[in-house]
Amino acid sequence: MPPPAWRTAASGVAPDAPAAQPARPQLQGLRLGPRPSALIDGHVLLPGQRLNGYLLLRIDAEAAVLRDAEGRQHRLLLLPQDDKNNTRKEARP
């Protein structure tokens, strides 16, 4: 019988591997107006609602702001940002 470390490696799981971080949510759409909502990972959310450990704090014309379980805020942009010029890239058809 192989040593325990070999059995673990053969099973495809490292013995001291850190837990996988959940994927960062993806913003897919925004709806503005008196009741703004955000389409995130296929779910329509209103401010104050939660999804996979994230709380939707607010919605503006170009982004949704979430807070994770550790209290960090994440601004999910609807359009990608050009890091060199700090401007939005236009979506291409």
C-alpha atoms as a PDB file:
ATOM      1  CA  MET A   1       0.000   0.000   0.000  1.00  0.00           C
ATOM      2  CA  PRO A   2       1.483   3.422  -0.961  1.00  0.00           C
ATOM      3  CA  PRO A   3       2.183   6.092   1.687  1.00  0.00           C
ATOM      4  CA  PRO A   4      -0.728   8.501   2.463  1.00  0.00           C
ATOM      5  CA  ALA A   5       0.836  11.355   0.445  1.00  0.00           C
ATOM      6  CA  TRP A   6       0.860   9.174  -2.648  1.00  0.00           C
ATOM      7  CA  ARG A   7      -2.746   8.161  -2.169  1.00  0.00           C
ATOM      8  CA  THR A   8      -3.728  11.850  -1.905  1.00  0.00           C
ATOM      9  CA  ALA A   9      -1.710  12.832  -4.970  1.00  0.00           C
ATOM     10  CA  ALA A  10      -3.170   9.932  -6.954  1.00  0.00           C
ATOM     11  CA  SER A  11      -6.674  11.085  -6.053  1.00  0.00           C
ATOM     12  CA  GLY A  12      -5.954  14.461  -7.679  1.00  0.00           C
ATOM     13  CA  VAL A  13      -6.246  16.474  -4.466  1.00  0.00           C
ATOM     14  CA  ALA A  14      -3.159  18.094  -2.981  1.00  0.00           C
ATOM     15  CA  PRO A  15      -2.868  17.447   0.765  1.00  0.00           C
ATOM     16  CA  ASP A  16      -2.601  21.116   1.784  1.00  0.00           C
ATOM     17  CA  ALA A  17      -4.326  22.826  -1.148  1.00  0.00           C
ATOM     18  CA  PRO A  18      -6.142  26.040  -0.202  1.00  0.00           C
ATOM     19  CA  ALA A  19      -9.898  26.117  -0.671  1.00  0.00           C
ATOM     20  CA  ALA A  20     -10.917  27.352  -4.110  1.00  0.00           C
ATOM     21  CA  GLN A  21     -12.171  30.931  -4.191  1.00  0.00           C
ATOM     22  CA  PRO A  22     -15.609  31.346  -5.741  1.00  0.00           C
ATOM     23  CA  ALA A  23     -15.526  33.012  -9.143  1.00  0.00           C
ATOM     24  CA  ARG A  24     -16.086  36.747  -9.147  1.00  0.00           C
ATOM     25  CA  PRO A  25     -19.651  37.508 -10.269  1.00  0.00           C
ATOM     26  CA  GLN A  26     -20.165  38.727 -13.837  1.00  0.00           C
ATOM     27  CA  LEU A  27     -22.390  41.704 -14.598  1.00  0.00           C
ATOM     28  CA  GLN A  28     -24.539  40.955 -17.640  1.00  0.00           C
ATOM     29  CA  GLY A  29     -26.974  43.867 -17.674  1.00  0.00           C
ATOM     30  CA  LEU A  30     -28.364  46.892 -15.845  1.00  0.00           C
ATOM     31  CA  ARG A  31     -31.827  48.372 -15.601  1.00  0.00           C
ATOM     32  CA  LEU A  32     -32.137  51.928 -14.333  1.00  0.00           C
ATOM     33  CA  GLY A  33     -35.170  53.891 -13.210  1.00  0.00           C
ATOM     34  CA  PRO A  34     -37.268  53.994 -10.049  1.00  0.00           C
ATOM     35  CA  ARG A  35     -36.476  50.308  -9.309  1.00  0.00           C
ATOM     36  CA  PRO A  36     -32.969  49.670 -10.665  1.00  0.00           C
ATOM     37  CA  SER A  37     -31.838  46.074 -11.037  1.00  0.00           C
ATOM     38  CA  ALA A  38     -28.738  44.222 -12.173  1.00  0.00           C
ATOM     39  CA  LEU A  39     -28.430  40.975 -14.084  1.00  0.00           C
ATOM     40  CA  ILE A  40     -25.554  39.128 -12.392  1.00  0.00           C
ATOM     41  CA  ASP A  41     -24.646  35.540 -13.247  1.00  0.00           C
ATOM     42  CA  GLY A  42     -28.108  35.039 -14.760  1.00  0.00           C
ATOM     43  CA  HIS A  43     -29.992  36.372 -11.697  1.00  0.00           C
ATOM     44  CA  VAL A  44     -31.926  39.651 -11.522  1.00  0.00           C
ATOM     45  CA  LEU A  45     -31.006  41.429  -8.289  1.00  0.00           C
ATOM     46  CA  LEU A  46     -32.284  44.554  -6.573  1.00  0.00           C
ATOM     47  CA  PRO A  47     -30.109  46.603  -4.196  1.00  0.00           C
ATOM     48  CA  GLY A  48     -30.034  44.835  -0.827  1.00  0.00           C
ATOM     49  CA  GLN A  49     -30.320  41.327  -2.279  1.00  0.00           C
ATOM     50  CA  ARG A  50     -27.608  38.661  -1.999  1.00  0.00           C
ATOM     51  CA  LEU A  51     -26.089  36.177  -4.422  1.00  0.00           C
ATOM     52  CA  ASN A  52     -23.399  33.623  -3.552  1.00  0.00           C
ATOM     53  CA  GLY A  53     -22.163  35.543  -0.520  1.00  0.00           C
ATOM     54  CA  TYR A  54     -22.188  38.971  -2.227  1.00  0.00           C
ATOM     55  CA  LEU A  55     -24.548  41.811  -1.273  1.00  0.00           C
ATOM     56  CA  LEU A  56     -25.665  44.205  -4.027  1.00  0.00           C
ATOM     57  CA  LEU A  57     -25.102  47.673  -2.563  1.00  0.00           C
ATOM     58  CA  ARG A  58     -25.978  50.003  -5.437  1.00  0.00           C
ATOM     59  CA  ILE A  59     -26.447  50.348  -9.177  1.00  0.00           C
ATOM     60  CA  ASP A  60     -25.445  53.244 -11.412  1.00  0.00           C
ATOM     61  CA  ALA A  61     -25.414  53.849 -15.180  1.00  0.00           C
ATOM     62  CA  GLU A  62     -22.278  51.778 -15.828  1.00  0.00           C
ATOM     63  CA  ALA A  63     -21.762  49.414 -12.899  1.00  0.00           C
ATOM     64  CA  ALA A  64     -23.102  47.456  -9.954  1.00  0.00           C
ATOM     65  CA  VAL A  65     -21.327  47.590  -6.586  1.00  0.00           C
ATOM     66  CA  LEU A  66     -21.205  44.441  -4.468  1.00  0.00           C
ATOM     67  CA  ARG A  67     -19.792  43.719  -1.004  1.00  0.00           C
ATOM     68  CA  ASP A  68     -18.279  40.328  -0.256  1.00  0.00           C
ATOM     69  CA  ALA A  69     -18.325  38.421   3.043  1.00  0.00           C
ATOM     70  CA  GLU A  70     -15.032  40.060   4.134  1.00  0.00           C
ATOM     71  CA  GLY A  71     -16.495  43.554   3.638  1.00  0.00           C
ATOM     72  CA  ARG A  72     -14.569  44.361   0.433  1.00  0.00           C
ATOM     73  CA  GLN A  73     -16.437  46.247  -2.266  1.00  0.00           C
ATOM     74  CA  HIS A  74     -16.346  45.142  -5.907  1.00  0.00           C
ATOM     75  CA  ARG A  75     -17.433  47.416  -8.740  1.00  0.00           C
ATOM     76  CA  LEU A  76     -18.633  45.283 -11.658  1.00  0.00           C
ATOM     77  CA  LEU A  77     -18.482  47.274 -14.898  1.00  0.00           C
ATOM     78  CA  LEU A  78     -20.899  46.644 -17.713  1.00  0.00           C
ATOM     79  CA  LEU A  79     -18.254  47.471 -20.344  1.00  0.00           C
ATOM     80  CA  PRO A  80     -14.583  46.544 -20.016  1.00  0.00           C
ATOM     81  CA  GLN A  81     -12.192  49.323 -19.063  1.00  0.00           C
ATOM     82  CA  ASP A  82      -9.048  50.342 -20.975  1.00  0.00           C
ATOM     83  CA  ASP A  83      -6.423  50.407 -18.195  1.00  0.00           C
ATOM     84  CA  LYS A  84      -4.023  52.670 -20.132  1.00  0.00           C
ATOM     85  CA  ASN A  85      -6.454  55.537 -20.673  1.00  0.00           C
ATOM     86  CA  ASN A  86      -8.923  54.802 -17.867  1.00  0.00           C
ATOM     87  CA  THR A  87     -11.723  54.881 -20.445  1.00  0.00           C
ATOM     88  CA  ARG A  88     -14.451  52.433 -21.421  1.00  0.00           C
ATOM     89  CA  LYS A  89     -13.993  50.215 -24.456  1.00  0.00           C
ATOM     90  CA  GLU A  90     -16.908  50.070 -26.842  1.00  0.00           C
ATOM     91  CA  ALA A  91     -18.573  46.689 -27.207  1.00  0.00           C
ATOM     92  CA  ARG A  92     -17.998  45.225 -30.666  1.00  0.00           C
ATOM     93  CA  PRO A  93     -20.713  43.286 -32.514  1.00  0.00           C
END
